Amino acid sequence: MSVFIAQQVTRSHTIHLPATSHKVFPLFSPLGEKHWAQDWNPEMLYPASGVAQVGTVFTTQHANKQTRIWTIIAYAREQAQVSYLNVLPDSHVSRIEISCEAEGMQATLACITYTLTALTPQGNTYLDGFTQEYYLAYISSWETAITYYLLHGHLLSHAE
């Protein structure tokens, strides 16, 4: 019998966005993300209104994948900081920390940190693929999509 030993990995990157943190930070809320993220459709459990606060719980499901359970575990609107705990029960837990700060008068730096912990051997396999290169490409896609939304006021389509 083999003994499961969970792996953990942390990845962090800062993106540059062309708007004030007052405009940017709400885009990192469960409902705000719908403005810029393709196929993002959270099912709000608590509170049903979807307001972002400590204790907000929702689920997401993407094409033929297992449902993810999300909880906001820290929220400071005035400091433009939010932390999520995201659980994919048969794989891993993710802690996602987002912190926005002004970059000049009309821009924002958003630091996004993922800490993933495997829950199963499959989770360890997933973490093996969560390399720094993968993460940079992933978060760069956020930067592209959010920038597009901020400049054009609508979601970047796959065709654009």
Protein backbone atom coordinates (compact mmCIF):
# COMPACT_ATOMS: atom_id res chain seq x y z
CA MET A 1 0.00 0.00 0.00
CA SER A 2 1.43 3.35 -1.03
CA VAL A 3 1.14 6.41 1.17
CA PHE A 4 -0.19 9.57 -0.46
CA ILE A 5 2.02 12.61 0.12
CA ALA A 6 0.38 15.86 -0.92
CA GLN A 7 2.40 18.34 -2.95
CA GLN A 8 1.97 22.10 -2.74
CA VAL A 9 3.03 24.80 -5.17
CA THR A 10 2.75 28.59 -5.13
CA ARG A 11 2.83 30.79 -8.22
CA SER A 12 2.54 34.58 -8.31
CA HIS A 13 2.54 37.25 -11.00
CA THR A 14 1.60 40.91 -11.26
CA ILE A 15 -0.40 42.18 -14.21
CA HIS A 16 -0.78 45.78 -15.42
CA LEU A 17 -4.29 47.05 -16.12
CA PRO A 18 -5.31 50.36 -17.75
CA ALA A 19 -7.79 51.69 -15.15
CA THR A 20 -7.92 52.77 -11.54
CA SER A 21 -8.13 50.10 -8.85
CA HIS A 22 -11.63 51.45 -8.11
CA LYS A 23 -12.65 50.13 -11.58
CA VAL A 24 -10.40 47.07 -11.62
CA PHE A 25 -10.97 45.49 -8.20
CA PRO A 26 -14.71 44.74 -8.71
CA LEU A 27 -13.73 42.67 -11.77
CA PHE A 28 -12.19 40.12 -9.38
CA SER A 29 -15.51 39.44 -7.64
CA PRO A 30 -17.57 36.34 -8.52
CA LEU A 31 -20.07 38.34 -10.59
CA GLY A 32 -17.52 40.90 -11.82
CA GLU A 33 -15.47 38.20 -13.50
CA LYS A 34 -18.40 37.53 -15.86
CA HIS A 35 -17.52 40.80 -17.62
CA TRP A 36 -14.17 39.54 -18.88
CA ALA A 37 -13.87 35.75 -18.44
CA GLN A 38 -15.15 33.44 -21.17
CA ASP A 39 -17.54 30.75 -19.89
CA TRP A 40 -17.48 32.11 -16.32
CA ASN A 41 -20.93 31.51 -14.88
CA PRO A 42 -20.87 31.15 -11.09
CA GLU A 43 -23.86 29.69 -9.30
CA MET A 44 -24.22 31.89 -6.25
CA LEU A 45 -25.13 29.93 -3.13
CA TYR A 46 -24.59 32.46 -0.35
CA PRO A 47 -25.55 35.19 -0.40
CA ALA A 48 -27.89 34.64 -3.33
CA SER A 49 -27.36 38.27 -4.41
CA GLY A 50 -23.73 37.44 -5.23
CA VAL A 51 -22.34 40.31 -3.18
CA ALA A 52 -18.65 39.80 -2.48
CA GLN A 53 -17.92 39.45 1.22
CA VAL A 54 -16.16 37.09 3.60
CA GLY A 55 -18.19 33.88 3.53
CA THR A 56 -19.55 34.24 -0.01
CA VAL A 57 -19.94 30.71 -1.43
CA PHE A 58 -20.51 29.73 -5.05
CA THR A 59 -19.79 26.95 -7.50
CA THR A 60 -18.51 26.85 -11.06
CA GLN A 61 -18.50 24.14 -13.65
CA HIS A 62 -16.73 24.20 -16.98
CA ALA A 63 -17.39 21.89 -19.93
CA ASN A 64 -17.37 18.26 -18.78
CA LYS A 65 -15.36 19.04 -15.65
CA GLN A 66 -16.14 18.49 -12.00
CA THR A 67 -17.90 21.26 -10.06
CA ARG A 68 -15.58 23.56 -8.13
CA ILE A 69 -16.62 24.95 -4.75
CA TRP A 70 -15.49 28.52 -4.00
CA THR A 71 -15.47 30.54 -0.76
CA ILE A 72 -14.27 34.10 -0.20
CA ILE A 73 -12.04 33.75 2.87
CA ALA A 74 -10.75 37.35 3.05
CA TYR A 75 -12.20 40.52 1.59
CA ALA A 76 -11.05 44.12 2.05
CA ARG A 77 -12.71 46.40 -0.49
CA GLU A 78 -10.94 49.55 0.72
CA GLN A 79 -7.54 47.84 0.38
CA ALA A 80 -8.59 46.15 -2.90
CA GLN A 81 -7.71 42.67 -1.63
CA VAL A 82 -9.61 39.40 -1.88
CA SER A 83 -8.73 35.77 -1.16
CA TYR A 84 -10.62 32.73 -2.40
CA LEU A 85 -10.48 29.09 -1.44
CA ASN A 86 -11.41 26.89 -4.39
CA VAL A 87 -11.90 23.14 -3.89
CA LEU A 88 -11.90 20.54 -6.63
CA PRO A 89 -12.71 17.56 -4.38
CA ASP A 90 -11.00 14.78 -6.35
CA SER A 91 -7.92 16.82 -7.15
CA HIS A 92 -6.73 19.87 -5.22
CA VAL A 93 -7.45 23.00 -3.19
CA SER A 94 -6.45 26.43 -4.50
CA ARG A 95 -5.98 29.56 -2.46
CA ILE A 96 -6.15 32.56 -4.77
CA GLU A 97 -5.04 35.92 -3.42
CA ILE A 98 -5.56 39.11 -5.41
CA SER A 99 -4.25 42.50 -4.39
CA CYS A 100 -4.66 45.66 -6.47
CA GLU A 101 -2.69 48.86 -6.09
CA ALA A 102 -2.49 52.08 -8.06
CA GLU A 103 0.17 52.43 -10.74
CA GLY A 104 0.13 56.14 -11.45
CA MET A 105 -3.18 57.96 -11.89
CA GLN A 106 -5.00 55.69 -14.35
CA ALA A 107 -3.52 52.22 -14.01
CA THR A 108 -3.50 49.32 -11.57
CA LEU A 109 -1.06 46.59 -10.66
CA ALA A 110 -2.89 43.39 -9.72
CA CYS A 111 -0.80 40.77 -7.96
CA ILE A 112 -2.39 37.32 -8.32
CA THR A 113 -1.04 34.45 -6.25
CA TYR A 114 -2.18 30.83 -6.48
CA THR A 115 -1.23 28.29 -3.82
CA LEU A 116 -2.34 24.79 -4.81
CA THR A 117 -2.35 21.76 -2.52
CA ALA A 118 -3.06 18.28 -3.84
CA LEU A 119 -5.83 16.24 -2.23
CA THR A 120 -5.23 13.07 -4.25
CA PRO A 121 -2.59 11.47 -6.47
CA GLN A 122 -4.47 13.03 -9.44
CA GLY A 123 -4.02 16.38 -7.71
CA ASN A 124 -0.27 15.81 -7.52
CA THR A 125 -0.29 15.11 -11.26
CA TYR A 126 -2.18 18.37 -11.88
CA LEU A 127 0.32 20.29 -9.75
CA ASP A 128 3.20 18.78 -11.76
CA GLY A 129 1.75 20.57 -14.81
CA PHE A 130 1.17 23.86 -12.97
CA THR A 131 4.61 25.12 -13.91
CA GLN A 132 5.74 28.74 -13.79
CA GLU A 133 5.53 28.87 -17.59
CA TYR A 134 1.96 27.52 -17.55
CA TYR A 135 0.98 29.99 -14.83
CA LEU A 136 2.46 33.00 -16.65
CA ALA A 137 0.54 32.11 -19.81
CA TYR A 138 -2.65 31.60 -17.77
CA ILE A 139 -2.40 34.91 -15.89
CA SER A 140 -1.33 36.73 -19.06
CA SER A 141 -4.64 35.62 -20.58
CA TRP A 142 -6.37 37.35 -17.65
CA GLU A 143 -4.40 40.53 -18.36
CA THR A 144 -5.43 40.42 -22.03
CA ALA A 145 -9.11 39.75 -21.29
CA ILE A 146 -9.42 42.34 -18.50
CA THR A 147 -7.59 44.99 -20.53
CA TYR A 148 -9.88 44.33 -23.47
CA TYR A 149 -12.95 44.71 -21.27
CA LEU A 150 -11.64 47.92 -19.70
CA LEU A 151 -10.89 49.45 -23.12
CA HIS A 152 -13.96 48.20 -25.04
CA GLY A 153 -16.65 47.60 -22.41
CA HIS A 154 -17.42 44.05 -23.43
CA LEU A 155 -16.06 40.51 -23.33
CA LEU A 156 -13.23 39.60 -25.69
CA SER A 157 -14.69 36.97 -28.04
CA HIS A 158 -12.68 34.00 -29.26
CA ALA A 159 -12.94 35.46 -32.78
CA GLU A 160 -11.18 38.74 -31.87
